N, C-alpha and C. Protein backbone atom coordinates (compact mmCIF):
# COMPACT_ATOMS: atom_id res chain seq x y z
N MET A 1 25.85 -9.57 1.90
CA MET A 1 24.81 -10.55 1.74
C MET A 1 23.60 -9.89 1.11
N LEU A 2 22.92 -10.64 0.28
CA LEU A 2 21.67 -10.20 -0.33
C LEU A 2 20.52 -10.76 0.51
N PHE A 3 19.65 -9.88 0.97
CA PHE A 3 18.58 -10.26 1.89
C PHE A 3 17.21 -10.11 1.26
N PRO A 4 16.25 -10.96 1.70
CA PRO A 4 14.85 -10.67 1.38
C PRO A 4 14.45 -9.41 2.14
N SER A 5 13.37 -8.78 1.73
CA SER A 5 12.97 -7.50 2.32
C SER A 5 12.72 -7.62 3.83
N GLU A 6 12.97 -6.51 4.52
CA GLU A 6 12.75 -6.45 5.96
C GLU A 6 11.28 -6.72 6.24
N GLY A 7 11.02 -7.46 7.29
CA GLY A 7 9.66 -7.77 7.67
C GLY A 7 9.13 -9.07 7.09
N SER A 8 9.82 -9.62 6.08
CA SER A 8 9.38 -10.90 5.53
C SER A 8 9.71 -12.01 6.52
N PHE A 9 8.97 -13.10 6.45
CA PHE A 9 9.19 -14.20 7.39
C PHE A 9 10.63 -14.70 7.31
N LEU A 10 11.13 -14.90 6.08
CA LEU A 10 12.50 -15.41 5.92
C LEU A 10 13.52 -14.42 6.47
N ARG A 11 13.32 -13.14 6.24
CA ARG A 11 14.26 -12.14 6.75
C ARG A 11 14.30 -12.15 8.28
N LEU A 12 13.12 -12.22 8.90
CA LEU A 12 13.07 -12.25 10.36
C LEU A 12 13.78 -13.50 10.90
N ALA A 13 13.56 -14.64 10.25
CA ALA A 13 14.21 -15.87 10.67
C ALA A 13 15.73 -15.77 10.49
N MET A 14 16.15 -15.17 9.38
CA MET A 14 17.59 -15.01 9.14
C MET A 14 18.21 -14.07 10.16
N ASP A 15 17.54 -12.96 10.44
CA ASP A 15 18.06 -12.01 11.43
C ASP A 15 18.24 -12.69 12.78
N ARG A 16 17.25 -13.50 13.19
CA ARG A 16 17.36 -14.22 14.46
C ARG A 16 18.52 -15.21 14.42
N TRP A 17 18.69 -15.91 13.30
CA TRP A 17 19.77 -16.89 13.16
C TRP A 17 21.12 -16.21 13.28
N PHE A 18 21.31 -15.11 12.57
CA PHE A 18 22.58 -14.39 12.64
C PHE A 18 22.84 -13.88 14.05
N GLU A 19 21.80 -13.37 14.70
CA GLU A 19 21.95 -12.87 16.06
C GLU A 19 22.35 -14.00 17.01
N GLN A 20 21.72 -15.15 16.86
CA GLN A 20 22.02 -16.31 17.71
C GLN A 20 23.48 -16.71 17.61
N TYR A 21 24.06 -16.62 16.42
CA TYR A 21 25.44 -17.03 16.21
C TYR A 21 26.43 -15.87 16.23
N GLY A 22 25.94 -14.67 16.53
CA GLY A 22 26.83 -13.52 16.64
C GLY A 22 27.45 -13.10 15.32
N VAL A 23 26.72 -13.31 14.24
CA VAL A 23 27.22 -12.95 12.90
C VAL A 23 26.54 -11.66 12.45
N ARG A 24 27.33 -10.75 11.91
CA ARG A 24 26.79 -9.48 11.41
C ARG A 24 27.22 -9.31 9.94
N PRO A 25 26.43 -9.89 9.02
CA PRO A 25 26.82 -9.79 7.62
C PRO A 25 26.62 -8.37 7.07
N ALA A 26 27.47 -7.99 6.14
CA ALA A 26 27.29 -6.70 5.45
C ALA A 26 26.13 -6.86 4.48
N VAL A 27 25.21 -5.92 4.50
CA VAL A 27 24.03 -5.98 3.64
C VAL A 27 24.37 -5.35 2.29
N ALA A 28 24.38 -6.18 1.25
CA ALA A 28 24.65 -5.69 -0.10
C ALA A 28 23.35 -5.29 -0.80
N GLY A 29 22.22 -5.75 -0.29
CA GLY A 29 20.94 -5.39 -0.89
C GLY A 29 19.78 -6.05 -0.19
N ASP A 30 18.62 -5.38 -0.25
CA ASP A 30 17.35 -5.90 0.25
C ASP A 30 16.41 -6.01 -0.95
N PHE A 31 15.74 -7.13 -1.09
CA PHE A 31 14.91 -7.37 -2.27
C PHE A 31 13.52 -7.84 -1.90
N ASP A 32 12.52 -7.26 -2.53
CA ASP A 32 11.14 -7.73 -2.41
C ASP A 32 10.90 -8.89 -3.37
N ASP A 33 11.65 -8.93 -4.45
CA ASP A 33 11.48 -9.94 -5.50
C ASP A 33 12.59 -10.98 -5.40
N SER A 34 12.24 -12.22 -5.06
CA SER A 34 13.26 -13.25 -4.86
C SER A 34 14.01 -13.59 -6.14
N ALA A 35 13.35 -13.50 -7.29
CA ALA A 35 14.05 -13.77 -8.56
C ALA A 35 15.11 -12.70 -8.81
N LEU A 36 14.82 -11.45 -8.50
CA LEU A 36 15.80 -10.38 -8.66
C LEU A 36 16.97 -10.58 -7.71
N LEU A 37 16.68 -10.98 -6.48
CA LEU A 37 17.72 -11.28 -5.50
C LEU A 37 18.66 -12.36 -6.04
N LYS A 38 18.08 -13.43 -6.58
CA LYS A 38 18.89 -14.53 -7.12
C LYS A 38 19.68 -14.09 -8.35
N THR A 39 19.10 -13.22 -9.17
CA THR A 39 19.80 -12.71 -10.34
C THR A 39 21.04 -11.92 -9.91
N PHE A 40 20.89 -11.05 -8.92
CA PHE A 40 22.04 -10.31 -8.41
C PHE A 40 23.09 -11.27 -7.86
N GLY A 41 22.65 -12.29 -7.14
CA GLY A 41 23.58 -13.29 -6.63
C GLY A 41 24.29 -14.02 -7.75
N GLY A 42 23.55 -14.37 -8.79
CA GLY A 42 24.14 -15.06 -9.94
C GLY A 42 25.17 -14.21 -10.67
N GLU A 43 25.02 -12.90 -10.55
CA GLU A 43 25.98 -11.97 -11.18
C GLU A 43 27.16 -11.66 -10.26
N GLY A 44 27.20 -12.31 -9.10
CA GLY A 44 28.33 -12.14 -8.19
C GLY A 44 28.25 -10.95 -7.26
N GLU A 45 27.05 -10.42 -7.06
CA GLU A 45 26.89 -9.24 -6.21
C GLU A 45 26.76 -9.56 -4.73
N GLY A 46 26.72 -10.83 -4.38
CA GLY A 46 26.61 -11.21 -2.98
C GLY A 46 26.08 -12.62 -2.87
N PHE A 47 26.00 -13.11 -1.64
CA PHE A 47 25.44 -14.44 -1.43
C PHE A 47 24.08 -14.29 -0.78
N PHE A 48 23.28 -15.36 -0.85
CA PHE A 48 21.90 -15.29 -0.38
C PHE A 48 21.45 -16.65 0.10
N ALA A 49 20.38 -16.65 0.88
CA ALA A 49 19.82 -17.89 1.42
C ALA A 49 18.77 -18.45 0.46
N VAL A 50 18.76 -19.77 0.35
CA VAL A 50 17.79 -20.46 -0.51
C VAL A 50 17.29 -21.68 0.25
N PRO A 51 15.98 -21.91 0.25
CA PRO A 51 15.50 -23.15 0.86
C PRO A 51 16.13 -24.36 0.20
N GLU A 52 16.55 -25.31 1.00
CA GLU A 52 17.27 -26.48 0.50
C GLU A 52 16.48 -27.23 -0.56
N VAL A 53 15.17 -27.21 -0.44
CA VAL A 53 14.32 -27.96 -1.36
C VAL A 53 14.43 -27.44 -2.81
N ILE A 54 14.83 -26.18 -3.01
CA ILE A 54 15.00 -25.64 -4.36
C ILE A 54 16.44 -25.30 -4.70
N LEU A 55 17.37 -25.70 -3.87
CA LEU A 55 18.78 -25.34 -4.05
C LEU A 55 19.33 -25.76 -5.41
N ARG A 56 19.13 -27.01 -5.79
CA ARG A 56 19.67 -27.48 -7.08
C ARG A 56 19.12 -26.68 -8.25
N GLU A 57 17.82 -26.41 -8.21
CA GLU A 57 17.20 -25.65 -9.30
C GLU A 57 17.73 -24.22 -9.36
N VAL A 58 17.89 -23.58 -8.21
CA VAL A 58 18.43 -22.22 -8.17
C VAL A 58 19.86 -22.21 -8.70
N ASN A 59 20.68 -23.16 -8.28
CA ASN A 59 22.06 -23.23 -8.77
C ASN A 59 22.10 -23.41 -10.28
N ARG A 60 21.23 -24.26 -10.80
CA ARG A 60 21.20 -24.50 -12.24
C ARG A 60 20.71 -23.25 -12.99
N SER A 61 19.66 -22.64 -12.51
CA SER A 61 19.05 -21.51 -13.20
C SER A 61 19.86 -20.22 -13.13
N PHE A 62 20.53 -19.99 -12.01
CA PHE A 62 21.21 -18.71 -11.80
C PHE A 62 22.73 -18.83 -11.81
N GLY A 63 23.25 -20.03 -12.05
CA GLY A 63 24.69 -20.21 -12.11
C GLY A 63 25.38 -20.00 -10.77
N THR A 64 24.68 -20.31 -9.69
CA THR A 64 25.25 -20.13 -8.35
C THR A 64 25.71 -21.47 -7.81
N ARG A 65 26.34 -21.44 -6.65
CA ARG A 65 26.73 -22.67 -5.97
C ARG A 65 26.60 -22.47 -4.47
N SER A 66 26.40 -23.56 -3.78
CA SER A 66 26.22 -23.51 -2.34
C SER A 66 27.57 -23.30 -1.66
N VAL A 67 27.58 -22.43 -0.65
CA VAL A 67 28.81 -22.19 0.12
C VAL A 67 28.65 -22.61 1.57
N GLY A 68 27.45 -23.04 1.95
CA GLY A 68 27.24 -23.45 3.33
C GLY A 68 25.78 -23.62 3.63
N SER A 69 25.52 -23.89 4.88
CA SER A 69 24.16 -24.15 5.33
C SER A 69 23.88 -23.34 6.58
N MET A 70 22.66 -22.90 6.71
CA MET A 70 22.23 -22.21 7.92
C MET A 70 21.39 -23.20 8.71
N ALA A 71 22.07 -24.13 9.38
CA ALA A 71 21.41 -25.22 10.09
C ALA A 71 20.36 -24.70 11.06
N GLY A 72 19.18 -25.29 10.97
CA GLY A 72 18.10 -24.92 11.87
C GLY A 72 17.20 -23.81 11.35
N LEU A 73 17.62 -23.10 10.31
CA LEU A 73 16.79 -22.04 9.76
C LEU A 73 15.64 -22.66 8.98
N LYS A 74 14.42 -22.21 9.25
CA LYS A 74 13.24 -22.75 8.58
C LYS A 74 12.45 -21.62 7.96
N THR A 75 11.73 -21.96 6.91
CA THR A 75 10.84 -21.01 6.26
C THR A 75 9.48 -21.67 6.10
N ARG A 76 8.52 -20.92 5.62
CA ARG A 76 7.17 -21.45 5.41
C ARG A 76 6.89 -21.53 3.92
N ILE A 77 6.14 -22.55 3.55
CA ILE A 77 5.69 -22.72 2.17
C ILE A 77 4.18 -22.86 2.22
N TYR A 78 3.49 -22.10 1.38
CA TYR A 78 2.03 -22.11 1.39
C TYR A 78 1.48 -22.68 0.09
N ALA A 79 0.39 -23.40 0.20
CA ALA A 79 -0.39 -23.83 -0.96
C ALA A 79 -1.71 -23.07 -0.88
N ILE A 80 -2.05 -22.36 -1.94
CA ILE A 80 -3.23 -21.51 -1.94
C ILE A 80 -4.24 -22.07 -2.94
N SER A 81 -5.47 -22.17 -2.50
CA SER A 81 -6.53 -22.71 -3.35
C SER A 81 -7.76 -21.83 -3.25
N THR A 82 -8.51 -21.75 -4.34
CA THR A 82 -9.77 -21.00 -4.31
C THR A 82 -10.88 -21.83 -3.71
N ASP A 83 -10.70 -23.15 -3.66
CA ASP A 83 -11.71 -24.04 -3.09
C ASP A 83 -11.53 -24.16 -1.59
N ARG A 84 -12.62 -24.25 -0.86
CA ARG A 84 -12.55 -24.44 0.58
C ARG A 84 -12.07 -25.85 0.92
N ARG A 85 -12.53 -26.82 0.15
CA ARG A 85 -12.12 -28.21 0.37
C ARG A 85 -11.37 -28.69 -0.86
N LEU A 86 -10.23 -29.31 -0.64
CA LEU A 86 -9.46 -29.85 -1.75
C LEU A 86 -9.96 -31.25 -2.06
N LEU A 87 -10.35 -31.46 -3.31
CA LEU A 87 -10.91 -32.73 -3.69
C LEU A 87 -10.16 -33.42 -4.83
N HIS A 88 -9.49 -32.64 -5.66
CA HIS A 88 -8.83 -33.22 -6.83
C HIS A 88 -7.70 -34.15 -6.39
N PRO A 89 -7.68 -35.38 -6.89
CA PRO A 89 -6.67 -36.36 -6.46
C PRO A 89 -5.23 -35.91 -6.69
N ALA A 90 -4.97 -35.19 -7.78
CA ALA A 90 -3.61 -34.73 -8.06
C ALA A 90 -3.16 -33.69 -7.03
N VAL A 91 -4.06 -32.78 -6.69
CA VAL A 91 -3.74 -31.76 -5.69
C VAL A 91 -3.51 -32.41 -4.33
N LEU A 92 -4.35 -33.35 -3.98
CA LEU A 92 -4.19 -34.06 -2.70
C LEU A 92 -2.86 -34.82 -2.66
N ALA A 93 -2.46 -35.42 -3.78
CA ALA A 93 -1.18 -36.15 -3.83
C ALA A 93 0.00 -35.19 -3.67
N ILE A 94 -0.07 -34.04 -4.30
CA ILE A 94 1.00 -33.04 -4.18
C ILE A 94 1.11 -32.56 -2.74
N LEU A 95 -0.01 -32.27 -2.12
CA LEU A 95 0.01 -31.81 -0.72
C LEU A 95 0.56 -32.88 0.21
N GLN A 96 0.18 -34.13 -0.01
CA GLN A 96 0.68 -35.22 0.83
C GLN A 96 2.19 -35.38 0.67
N ALA A 97 2.67 -35.32 -0.57
CA ALA A 97 4.11 -35.45 -0.82
C ALA A 97 4.87 -34.28 -0.18
N ALA A 98 4.31 -33.09 -0.26
CA ALA A 98 4.96 -31.93 0.36
C ALA A 98 5.05 -32.09 1.86
N LYS A 99 3.98 -32.58 2.48
CA LYS A 99 3.98 -32.78 3.93
C LYS A 99 5.04 -33.80 4.33
N GLU A 100 5.20 -34.85 3.53
CA GLU A 100 6.18 -35.89 3.85
C GLU A 100 7.62 -35.45 3.64
N HIS A 101 7.86 -34.67 2.58
CA HIS A 101 9.24 -34.34 2.21
C HIS A 101 9.71 -32.99 2.72
N LEU A 102 8.79 -32.10 3.08
CA LEU A 102 9.18 -30.76 3.50
C LEU A 102 9.03 -30.53 5.00
N ALA A 103 8.43 -31.45 5.69
CA ALA A 103 8.20 -31.26 7.12
C ALA A 103 9.46 -31.42 7.94
């Protein structure tokens, strides 16, 4: 399996998930760069976890396909802004849609 780097939120969540189900995958690589991880996966070097919300895009871009689901595994998505208060209507609409569809 191709893993995100140790200590990352997704890696910690994956490690807990595997432990909960008694699975011990062979580590084919640890990556700090998620695009590099997906590139290795697209070249057939191993399988990797992808948030469901971007699964179709990853499959299209990297020539991969889904082989299963890690039910219950969650990750975090952040929106970063230089402004303390978000005022732009487009940004507010994007945030609202994300809250509705990603929660």
